[in-house]
Amino acid sequence: MANNQSRNYSTLTIKRLYALSGNRCAFPGCERTFVNWEDDTNFSNICHIEDANPNTHKADRYNQNMSYKERADYSNLILLCPNHHIETNDPSKYTLETLRAMKREHEKNIASLQVGKNTIAKYPSVLSTLINQIGSTLLKDEFEDFGKKAPDTEEKILYNNVITYKPIIEEFSIYQGKLNGIYDEIEKQGSSKKSFLLQNIKTLYLKEKGKFVNIEAIRDNADLIFENIENEIWKILESSSNLSPSLPIESIKMGILIVMVDAFMRCKILEEPI
């Protein structure tokens, strides 16, 4: 039985888990949907990737250095149906990276189903909301500005060996014009939120960059770095009391990716080609 503190999930974490899973089990090939909207029956299990308790059959996936808060964080959770929850209890077959890759691939497949639904057009306020929340104050860290001229997007993708996020960057780069329009309006009002947002994203990247010894290591982990920055942005939003509950998680997710892709193109995330 997991420690109760390891199950102290935030409201945004719960919403994010169900929305980005498409209300379906993350196990490959499983078609089980979770919530029966007719009677509110819920068939899902919220499962820990790094286990919540050392005294279980999954002890090989227990990290004694992880805090209760980290164990209950979105990045350590995966939604499975009861049958596949039991099946994945075998740590010799389902390692930490196997489960993370399973979750990542499932969410990517669900996200691909959203393409063409024009989520941003339906919820035009989401980009302004994200700018307000992420750019409200500066993170406490040194900011360093690299690059005066943004490189070609494809060149930077290739230079940094971006694989998983490559189609996302290519697809969402078309929204840069819309985002620039919002930034222009913000600057006309004398606000520093655009500058703060980009500085905060750069700070998040520099923290991730500090985990690696050289450019080769950064290139080997480019997609992980991108994913970790996205998770940190969600944490910023989670700590905000002003995030509108009426905004669908899917629209927030898309808005975050648009802001990140713009930051990538401005050389705030990953390295500028030499």
Protein backbone atom coordinates (compact mmCIF):
# COMPACT_ATOMS: atom_id res chain seq x y z
CA MET A 1 0.00 0.00 0.00
CA ALA A 2 1.44 3.33 -1.00
CA ASN A 3 2.10 5.94 1.65
CA ASN A 4 -0.83 8.38 1.79
CA GLN A 5 1.52 11.34 1.30
CA SER A 6 2.65 9.75 -1.96
CA ARG A 7 -0.98 9.85 -3.08
CA ASN A 8 -1.50 13.50 -2.23
CA TYR A 9 -2.13 14.45 -5.87
CA SER A 10 -2.91 18.04 -6.75
CA THR A 11 -6.07 18.93 -8.64
CA LEU A 12 -4.10 20.03 -11.70
CA THR A 13 -2.12 16.77 -11.67
CA ILE A 14 -5.35 14.75 -11.69
CA LYS A 15 -6.85 16.85 -14.49
CA ARG A 16 -3.66 16.60 -16.51
CA LEU A 17 -3.41 12.82 -16.11
CA TYR A 18 -6.93 12.17 -17.36
CA ALA A 19 -6.99 14.80 -20.09
CA LEU A 20 -3.64 13.95 -21.64
CA SER A 21 -4.28 10.20 -21.42
CA GLY A 22 -7.45 10.65 -23.47
CA ASN A 23 -9.38 8.86 -20.69
CA ARG A 24 -7.67 5.63 -21.77
CA CYS A 25 -5.19 3.11 -20.38
CA ALA A 26 -1.59 3.88 -21.38
CA PHE A 27 -0.67 0.23 -21.94
CA PRO A 28 0.06 -0.38 -25.66
CA GLY A 29 -2.93 -1.80 -27.49
CA CYS A 30 -5.34 -1.45 -24.55
CA GLU A 31 -8.65 0.13 -25.53
CA ARG A 32 -10.06 0.35 -22.00
CA THR A 33 -11.63 3.74 -21.32
CA PHE A 34 -11.74 4.87 -17.73
CA VAL A 35 -14.81 6.91 -16.94
CA ASN A 36 -18.32 5.80 -17.81
CA TRP A 37 -20.10 9.13 -18.15
CA GLU A 38 -23.53 7.54 -17.65
CA ASP A 39 -22.91 6.45 -14.07
CA ASP A 40 -19.49 8.04 -13.30
CA THR A 41 -17.86 4.62 -12.86
CA ASN A 42 -14.07 4.98 -12.98
CA PHE A 43 -11.99 1.98 -14.07
CA SER A 44 -8.60 3.66 -13.81
CA ASN A 45 -5.68 3.11 -11.46
CA ILE A 46 -3.24 5.96 -10.79
CA CYS A 47 0.09 4.12 -10.71
CA HIS A 48 3.49 5.25 -9.49
CA ILE A 49 6.41 4.80 -11.90
CA GLU A 50 9.00 5.06 -9.14
CA ASP A 51 7.15 3.20 -6.44
CA ALA A 52 5.55 4.85 -3.42
CA ASN A 53 6.49 2.18 -0.89
CA PRO A 54 9.73 0.21 -0.37
CA ASN A 55 7.91 -2.81 1.09
CA THR A 56 6.21 -4.04 -2.07
CA HIS A 57 6.89 -6.44 -4.91
CA LYS A 58 7.96 -3.39 -6.92
CA ALA A 59 10.82 -2.49 -4.59
CA ASP A 60 13.23 -2.48 -7.53
CA ARG A 61 11.44 0.67 -8.68
CA TYR A 62 11.59 2.42 -5.32
CA ASN A 63 13.79 5.52 -5.02
CA GLN A 64 14.67 6.26 -1.40
CA ASN A 65 15.95 9.72 -2.34
CA MET A 66 12.62 10.82 -3.80
CA SER A 67 10.37 13.02 -1.66
CA TYR A 68 6.66 12.33 -1.12
CA LYS A 69 5.86 15.37 -3.25
CA GLU A 70 8.01 14.04 -6.10
CA ARG A 71 6.33 10.63 -5.87
CA ALA A 72 2.92 12.30 -6.21
CA ASP A 73 4.05 14.51 -9.08
CA TYR A 74 2.61 14.12 -12.57
CA SER A 75 5.97 13.03 -14.02
CA ASN A 76 5.98 9.97 -11.72
CA LEU A 77 2.42 8.86 -12.46
CA ILE A 78 0.79 6.81 -15.20
CA LEU A 79 -2.86 5.86 -15.70
CA LEU A 80 -3.52 2.16 -16.27
CA CYS A 81 -6.52 -0.12 -16.17
CA PRO A 82 -6.57 -2.60 -13.23
CA ASN A 83 -5.37 -5.54 -15.37
CA HIS A 84 -2.37 -3.71 -16.76
CA HIS A 85 -1.60 -2.22 -13.36
CA ILE A 86 -1.14 -5.78 -12.12
CA GLU A 87 0.84 -6.82 -15.20
CA THR A 88 3.29 -3.91 -14.94
CA ASN A 89 4.06 -4.79 -11.31
CA ASP A 90 6.89 -6.97 -12.64
CA PRO A 91 9.96 -4.66 -12.36
CA SER A 92 12.19 -7.05 -14.30
CA LYS A 93 9.97 -6.67 -17.37
CA TYR A 94 8.63 -3.16 -16.82
CA THR A 95 11.54 -0.96 -15.81
CA LEU A 96 11.34 2.72 -14.98
CA GLU A 97 12.31 3.72 -18.51
CA THR A 98 9.84 1.21 -20.00
CA LEU A 99 6.98 2.80 -18.07
CA ARG A 100 8.11 6.35 -18.85
CA ALA A 101 8.38 5.52 -22.54
CA MET A 102 4.94 3.86 -22.41
CA LYS A 103 3.37 6.99 -20.93
CA ARG A 104 5.26 9.28 -23.32
CA GLU A 105 4.19 7.33 -26.41
CA HIS A 106 0.57 7.07 -25.29
CA GLU A 107 0.29 10.81 -24.66
CA LYS A 108 1.95 11.53 -28.00
CA ASN A 109 -0.63 9.34 -29.75
CA ILE A 110 -3.49 11.04 -27.91
CA ALA A 111 -2.08 14.48 -28.75
CA SER A 112 -1.93 13.55 -32.44
CA LEU A 113 -5.69 13.02 -32.35
CA GLN A 114 -6.08 16.68 -31.34
CA VAL A 115 -4.37 17.93 -34.49
CA GLY A 116 -6.84 19.76 -36.70
CA LYS A 117 -9.27 20.53 -33.87
CA ASN A 118 -7.94 24.11 -33.70
CA THR A 119 -7.83 24.13 -29.91
CA ILE A 120 -6.16 27.54 -29.71
CA ALA A 121 -8.85 29.11 -31.90
CA LYS A 122 -11.52 27.78 -29.55
CA TYR A 123 -9.73 29.12 -26.48
CA PRO A 124 -7.85 32.24 -27.68
CA SER A 125 -7.19 33.44 -24.15
CA VAL A 126 -4.89 30.52 -23.30
CA LEU A 127 -1.70 32.10 -24.67
CA SER A 128 -2.28 35.39 -22.86
CA THR A 129 -3.06 33.44 -19.68
CA LEU A 130 0.19 31.49 -19.92
CA ILE A 131 2.23 34.63 -20.54
CA ASN A 132 0.64 36.26 -17.49
CA GLN A 133 1.33 33.26 -15.25
CA ILE A 134 4.83 32.29 -16.41
CA GLY A 135 5.99 35.88 -16.86
CA SER A 136 4.56 37.36 -13.67
CA THR A 137 7.85 37.21 -11.74
CA LEU A 138 11.42 36.21 -12.44
CA LEU A 139 12.65 32.84 -11.21
CA LYS A 140 15.51 33.07 -8.74
CA ASP A 141 18.41 32.14 -10.94
CA GLU A 142 21.03 33.76 -13.12
CA PHE A 143 19.85 34.56 -16.62
CA GLU A 144 22.25 34.29 -19.52
CA ASP A 145 21.26 35.31 -23.03
CA PHE A 146 22.82 33.24 -25.80
CA GLY A 147 22.55 34.05 -29.46
CA LYS A 148 21.72 37.33 -31.14
CA LYS A 149 20.25 35.91 -34.33
CA ALA A 150 17.91 32.94 -34.25
CA PRO A 151 19.21 30.04 -36.37
CA ASP A 152 17.23 28.10 -38.92
CA THR A 153 14.76 25.90 -37.04
CA GLU A 154 15.62 22.70 -38.91
CA GLU A 155 19.32 23.37 -38.42
CA LYS A 156 18.85 23.76 -34.68
CA ILE A 157 16.71 20.60 -34.45
CA LEU A 158 19.44 18.64 -36.23
CA TYR A 159 22.26 20.21 -34.22
CA ASN A 160 20.59 19.31 -30.90
CA ASN A 161 19.47 15.87 -32.05
CA VAL A 162 15.81 16.53 -31.21
CA ILE A 163 13.77 13.47 -32.18
CA THR A 164 10.55 13.08 -30.20
CA TYR A 165 9.78 16.81 -30.14
CA LYS A 166 10.86 17.42 -33.74
CA PRO A 167 7.33 17.11 -35.27
CA ILE A 168 5.91 19.24 -32.45
CA ILE A 169 8.44 22.02 -33.12
CA GLU A 170 7.76 21.86 -36.84
CA GLU A 171 3.98 21.90 -36.37
CA PHE A 172 3.71 24.58 -33.70
CA SER A 173 6.26 26.96 -35.23
CA ILE A 174 3.40 28.33 -37.37
CA TYR A 175 1.93 29.93 -34.23
CA GLN A 176 4.95 32.16 -33.69
CA GLY A 177 3.30 35.00 -35.59
CA LYS A 178 0.21 34.84 -33.35
CA LEU A 179 2.38 34.76 -30.24
CA ASN A 180 4.46 37.70 -31.49
CA GLY A 181 1.25 39.69 -31.89
CA ILE A 182 0.37 39.06 -28.25
CA TYR A 183 3.92 39.95 -27.19
CA ASP A 184 3.71 43.22 -29.15
CA GLU A 185 0.51 44.20 -27.36
CA ILE A 186 2.06 43.39 -23.99
CA GLU A 187 5.12 45.52 -24.74
CA LYS A 188 2.94 48.42 -25.89
CA GLN A 189 1.36 48.36 -22.43
CA GLY A 190 4.81 48.71 -20.86
CA SER A 191 4.72 45.24 -19.32
CA SER A 192 7.84 43.11 -18.77
CA LYS A 193 5.95 39.81 -18.91
CA LYS A 194 7.30 38.81 -22.31
CA SER A 195 10.87 39.39 -21.13
CA PHE A 196 10.23 37.63 -17.83
CA LEU A 197 8.63 34.63 -19.56
CA LEU A 198 11.56 34.14 -21.92
CA GLN A 199 14.06 34.67 -19.11
CA ASN A 200 12.24 32.13 -16.93
CA ILE A 201 12.26 29.53 -19.70
CA LYS A 202 15.96 30.20 -20.26
CA THR A 203 16.56 29.74 -16.53
CA LEU A 204 14.74 26.41 -16.59
CA TYR A 205 16.92 25.34 -19.51
CA LEU A 206 20.14 26.40 -17.78
CA LYS A 207 19.17 24.30 -14.76
CA GLU A 208 18.64 21.29 -17.03
CA LYS A 209 21.83 22.04 -18.95
CA GLY A 210 23.78 21.98 -15.69
CA LYS A 211 23.04 18.27 -15.34
CA PHE A 212 25.19 17.43 -18.37
CA VAL A 213 28.94 17.72 -18.87
CA ASN A 214 29.15 18.65 -22.56
CA ILE A 215 27.25 19.23 -25.80
CA GLU A 216 27.31 15.52 -26.64
CA ALA A 217 25.45 14.73 -23.43
CA ILE A 218 22.98 17.53 -24.11
CA ARG A 219 22.34 16.17 -27.60
CA ASP A 220 21.83 12.66 -26.20
CA ASN A 221 19.20 14.01 -23.81
CA ALA A 222 17.60 16.81 -25.85
CA ASP A 223 14.09 15.35 -25.74
CA LEU A 224 14.34 14.66 -22.00
CA ILE A 225 15.46 18.26 -21.43
CA PHE A 226 12.48 19.54 -23.44
CA GLU A 227 10.13 17.27 -21.49
CA ASN A 228 11.54 18.34 -18.10
CA ILE A 229 11.15 22.03 -18.95
CA GLU A 230 7.52 21.40 -19.90
CA ASN A 231 6.94 19.70 -16.53
CA GLU A 232 8.54 22.62 -14.70
CA ILE A 233 6.22 25.05 -16.51
CA TRP A 234 3.24 22.99 -15.37
CA LYS A 235 4.54 23.32 -11.80
CA ILE A 236 4.66 27.11 -12.19
CA LEU A 237 1.04 27.06 -13.34
CA GLU A 238 0.08 24.75 -10.51
CA SER A 239 1.44 27.18 -7.93
CA SER A 240 -0.67 29.97 -9.41
CA SER A 241 -4.06 30.78 -7.92
CA ASN A 242 -5.16 32.68 -11.02
CA LEU A 243 -5.23 29.89 -13.60
CA SER A 244 -8.74 29.79 -15.05
CA PRO A 245 -10.46 26.45 -14.29
CA SER A 246 -12.54 26.90 -17.44
CA LEU A 247 -9.54 26.38 -19.71
CA PRO A 248 -9.33 22.75 -20.87
CA ILE A 249 -6.10 20.95 -20.04
CA GLU A 250 -5.64 20.15 -23.73
CA SER A 251 -5.62 23.86 -24.62
CA ILE A 252 -3.15 24.63 -21.81
CA LYS A 253 -0.89 21.81 -23.00
CA MET A 254 -0.96 23.17 -26.56
CA GLY A 255 -0.32 26.70 -25.32
CA ILE A 256 2.70 25.56 -23.31
CA LEU A 257 4.14 23.82 -26.35
CA ILE A 258 3.60 26.90 -28.52
CA VAL A 259 5.42 29.09 -25.97
CA MET A 260 8.23 26.52 -25.69
CA VAL A 261 8.63 26.17 -29.45
CA ASP A 262 8.86 29.95 -29.74
CA ALA A 263 11.49 29.94 -26.98
CA PHE A 264 13.36 27.17 -28.79
CA MET A 265 13.39 29.25 -31.98
CA ARG A 266 14.69 32.23 -29.97
CA CYS A 267 17.54 30.08 -28.58
CA LYS A 268 16.23 30.04 -25.00
CA ILE A 269 15.98 26.22 -25.03
CA LEU A 270 18.84 23.97 -26.22
CA GLU A 271 22.00 25.08 -27.91
CA GLU A 272 22.61 27.43 -30.80
CA PRO A 273 24.38 25.77 -33.75
CA ILE A 274 28.01 26.85 -34.04
